[in-house]
C-alpha cells in the first residue's frame, strides 16, 4: 500500500500533477494546497482540471 503523502501541483499552463510532499518542487511548479494519499490527490485533480488544454491554447 502506498503510504507516501502527495501534494497537488500545477504549472504555468495550469496543468496538474501530484508530487511527493517531502520532495522539493521542480522549477515551474507550485503547490495548490491539497495533499493526501495518491488516490485522494488524483481524485481532486479530476474534479478541478476539467479542461486539459494548456492555458496558452485556451486563450487563443
N, C-alpha and C. Protein backbone atom coordinates (compact mmCIF):
# COMPACT_ATOMS: atom_id res chain seq x y z
N UNK A 1 0.84 -1.18 0.00
CA UNK A 1 0.00 0.00 0.00
C UNK A 1 0.88 1.24 0.00
N UNK A 2 0.54 2.22 -0.83
CA UNK A 2 1.31 3.45 -0.96
C UNK A 2 1.00 4.38 0.21
N UNK A 3 1.98 4.62 1.07
CA UNK A 3 1.78 5.48 2.23
C UNK A 3 2.46 6.84 2.07
N UNK A 4 2.88 7.15 0.86
CA UNK A 4 3.53 8.43 0.60
C UNK A 4 2.48 9.53 0.61
N UNK A 5 2.82 10.67 1.22
CA UNK A 5 1.95 11.84 1.21
C UNK A 5 2.29 12.66 -0.03
N UNK A 6 1.28 12.96 -0.83
CA UNK A 6 1.47 13.71 -2.06
C UNK A 6 0.81 15.08 -1.95
N UNK A 7 1.28 15.99 -2.80
CA UNK A 7 0.67 17.31 -2.95
C UNK A 7 0.22 17.47 -4.39
N UNK A 8 -0.90 18.17 -4.58
CA UNK A 8 -1.34 18.52 -5.93
C UNK A 8 -0.59 19.78 -6.33
N UNK A 9 -0.01 19.75 -7.51
CA UNK A 9 0.78 20.88 -8.02
C UNK A 9 0.30 21.25 -9.41
N UNK A 10 0.60 22.49 -9.82
CA UNK A 10 0.28 22.89 -11.19
C UNK A 10 1.40 23.75 -11.73
N UNK A 11 1.48 23.82 -13.05
CA UNK A 11 2.50 24.64 -13.69
C UNK A 11 1.86 25.90 -14.28
N UNK A 12 2.66 26.71 -14.96
CA UNK A 12 2.18 27.98 -15.51
C UNK A 12 1.11 27.79 -16.59
N UNK A 13 1.01 26.61 -17.15
CA UNK A 13 0.00 26.31 -18.16
C UNK A 13 -1.27 25.73 -17.53
N UNK A 14 -1.32 25.74 -16.19
CA UNK A 14 -2.44 25.18 -15.43
C UNK A 14 -2.66 23.71 -15.72
N UNK A 15 -1.55 22.98 -15.85
CA UNK A 15 -1.58 21.53 -15.96
C UNK A 15 -1.27 20.99 -14.57
N UNK A 16 -2.01 20.00 -14.14
CA UNK A 16 -1.90 19.49 -12.78
C UNK A 16 -1.17 18.16 -12.72
N UNK A 17 -0.58 17.91 -11.56
CA UNK A 17 0.11 16.65 -11.31
C UNK A 17 0.16 16.44 -9.80
N UNK A 18 0.73 15.32 -9.40
CA UNK A 18 0.99 15.09 -7.98
C UNK A 18 2.50 14.99 -7.79
N UNK A 19 2.94 15.33 -6.57
CA UNK A 19 4.36 15.31 -6.26
C UNK A 19 4.52 14.88 -4.81
N UNK A 20 5.49 14.03 -4.51
CA UNK A 20 5.70 13.64 -3.12
C UNK A 20 5.93 14.88 -2.24
N UNK A 21 5.17 15.02 -1.18
CA UNK A 21 5.21 16.21 -0.34
C UNK A 21 6.57 16.45 0.29
N UNK A 22 7.33 15.40 0.55
CA UNK A 22 8.61 15.56 1.22
C UNK A 22 9.71 16.03 0.27
N UNK A 23 9.45 16.04 -1.03
CA UNK A 23 10.47 16.46 -2.00
C UNK A 23 10.25 17.91 -2.41
N UNK A 24 11.33 18.58 -2.75
CA UNK A 24 11.27 19.96 -3.23
C UNK A 24 10.61 19.96 -4.61
N UNK A 25 9.73 20.95 -4.83
CA UNK A 25 9.04 21.02 -6.13
C UNK A 25 10.03 21.35 -7.24
N UNK A 26 9.82 20.77 -8.41
CA UNK A 26 10.67 21.12 -9.56
C UNK A 26 10.34 22.55 -10.01
N UNK A 27 11.28 23.17 -10.67
CA UNK A 27 11.08 24.53 -11.18
C UNK A 27 9.83 24.59 -12.06
N UNK A 28 9.08 25.65 -11.90
CA UNK A 28 7.90 25.85 -12.73
C UNK A 28 6.62 25.29 -12.15
N UNK A 29 6.68 24.62 -11.02
CA UNK A 29 5.50 24.02 -10.40
C UNK A 29 5.24 24.67 -9.06
N UNK A 30 3.96 24.87 -8.73
CA UNK A 30 3.57 25.44 -7.44
C UNK A 30 2.53 24.53 -6.79
N UNK A 31 2.50 24.55 -5.48
CA UNK A 31 1.52 23.76 -4.74
C UNK A 31 0.14 24.39 -4.82
N UNK A 32 -0.88 23.56 -4.73
CA UNK A 32 -2.28 24.02 -4.78
C UNK A 32 -2.95 23.98 -3.42
N UNK A 33 -2.23 23.57 -2.40
CA UNK A 33 -2.81 23.49 -1.06
C UNK A 33 -3.60 22.23 -0.80
N UNK A 34 -3.46 21.24 -1.65
CA UNK A 34 -4.16 19.96 -1.49
C UNK A 34 -3.12 18.88 -1.29
N UNK A 35 -3.28 18.08 -0.27
CA UNK A 35 -2.37 16.97 -0.05
C UNK A 35 -3.12 15.79 0.54
N UNK A 36 -2.53 14.63 0.37
CA UNK A 36 -3.13 13.40 0.86
C UNK A 36 -2.48 12.21 0.19
N UNK A 37 -3.17 11.07 0.25
CA UNK A 37 -2.61 9.90 -0.43
C UNK A 37 -2.80 10.06 -1.95
N UNK A 38 -2.18 9.18 -2.69
CA UNK A 38 -2.18 9.29 -4.15
C UNK A 38 -3.60 9.31 -4.72
N UNK A 39 -4.43 8.40 -4.27
CA UNK A 39 -5.80 8.30 -4.78
C UNK A 39 -6.59 9.59 -4.52
N UNK A 40 -6.46 10.12 -3.31
CA UNK A 40 -7.17 11.36 -2.97
C UNK A 40 -6.72 12.51 -3.87
N UNK A 41 -5.41 12.66 -4.04
CA UNK A 41 -4.89 13.75 -4.87
C UNK A 41 -5.33 13.61 -6.32
N UNK A 42 -5.30 12.41 -6.85
CA UNK A 42 -5.74 12.19 -8.23
C UNK A 42 -7.24 12.48 -8.38
N UNK A 43 -8.03 12.12 -7.38
CA UNK A 43 -9.47 12.44 -7.40
C UNK A 43 -9.69 13.95 -7.41
N UNK A 44 -8.90 14.68 -6.62
CA UNK A 44 -9.04 16.14 -6.58
C UNK A 44 -8.67 16.76 -7.92
N UNK A 45 -7.62 16.25 -8.55
CA UNK A 45 -7.23 16.75 -9.87
C UNK A 45 -8.35 16.52 -10.87
N UNK A 46 -8.97 15.36 -10.82
CA UNK A 46 -10.06 15.05 -11.74
C UNK A 46 -11.21 16.04 -11.57
N UNK A 47 -11.45 16.51 -10.35
CA UNK A 47 -12.52 17.48 -10.10
C UNK A 47 -12.18 18.88 -10.58
N UNK A 48 -10.93 19.29 -10.44
CA UNK A 48 -10.58 20.68 -10.75
C UNK A 48 -10.00 20.89 -12.15
N UNK A 49 -9.46 19.85 -12.76
CA UNK A 49 -8.83 20.01 -14.07
C UNK A 49 -9.78 19.48 -15.13
N UNK A 50 -10.78 20.30 -15.45
CA UNK A 50 -11.82 19.86 -16.38
C UNK A 50 -11.50 20.15 -17.83
N UNK A 51 -10.63 21.12 -18.08
CA UNK A 51 -10.21 21.45 -19.45
C UNK A 51 -8.73 21.14 -19.55
N UNK A 52 -8.38 20.06 -20.23
CA UNK A 52 -7.00 19.57 -20.26
C UNK A 52 -6.09 20.37 -21.18
N UNK A 53 -6.67 21.30 -21.94
CA UNK A 53 -5.82 22.10 -22.82
C UNK A 53 -4.97 23.07 -21.99
N UNK A 54 -3.70 23.29 -22.39
CA UNK A 54 -2.88 24.27 -21.70
C UNK A 54 -3.54 25.66 -21.77
N UNK A 55 -3.30 26.48 -20.78
CA UNK A 55 -3.92 27.80 -20.73
C UNK A 55 -3.55 28.63 -21.96
N UNK A 56 -2.37 28.46 -22.52
CA UNK A 56 -1.96 29.21 -23.71
C UNK A 56 -2.82 28.85 -24.92
N UNK A 57 -3.31 27.64 -24.99
CA UNK A 57 -4.18 27.21 -26.09
C UNK A 57 -5.61 27.69 -25.84
N UNK A 58 -6.05 27.66 -24.59
CA UNK A 58 -7.41 28.11 -24.27
C UNK A 58 -7.57 29.60 -24.53
N UNK A 59 -6.50 30.36 -24.39
CA UNK A 59 -6.57 31.82 -24.53
C UNK A 59 -6.68 32.28 -25.99
N UNK A 60 -6.40 31.37 -26.91
CA UNK A 60 -6.44 31.78 -28.33
C UNK A 60 -7.81 31.57 -28.94
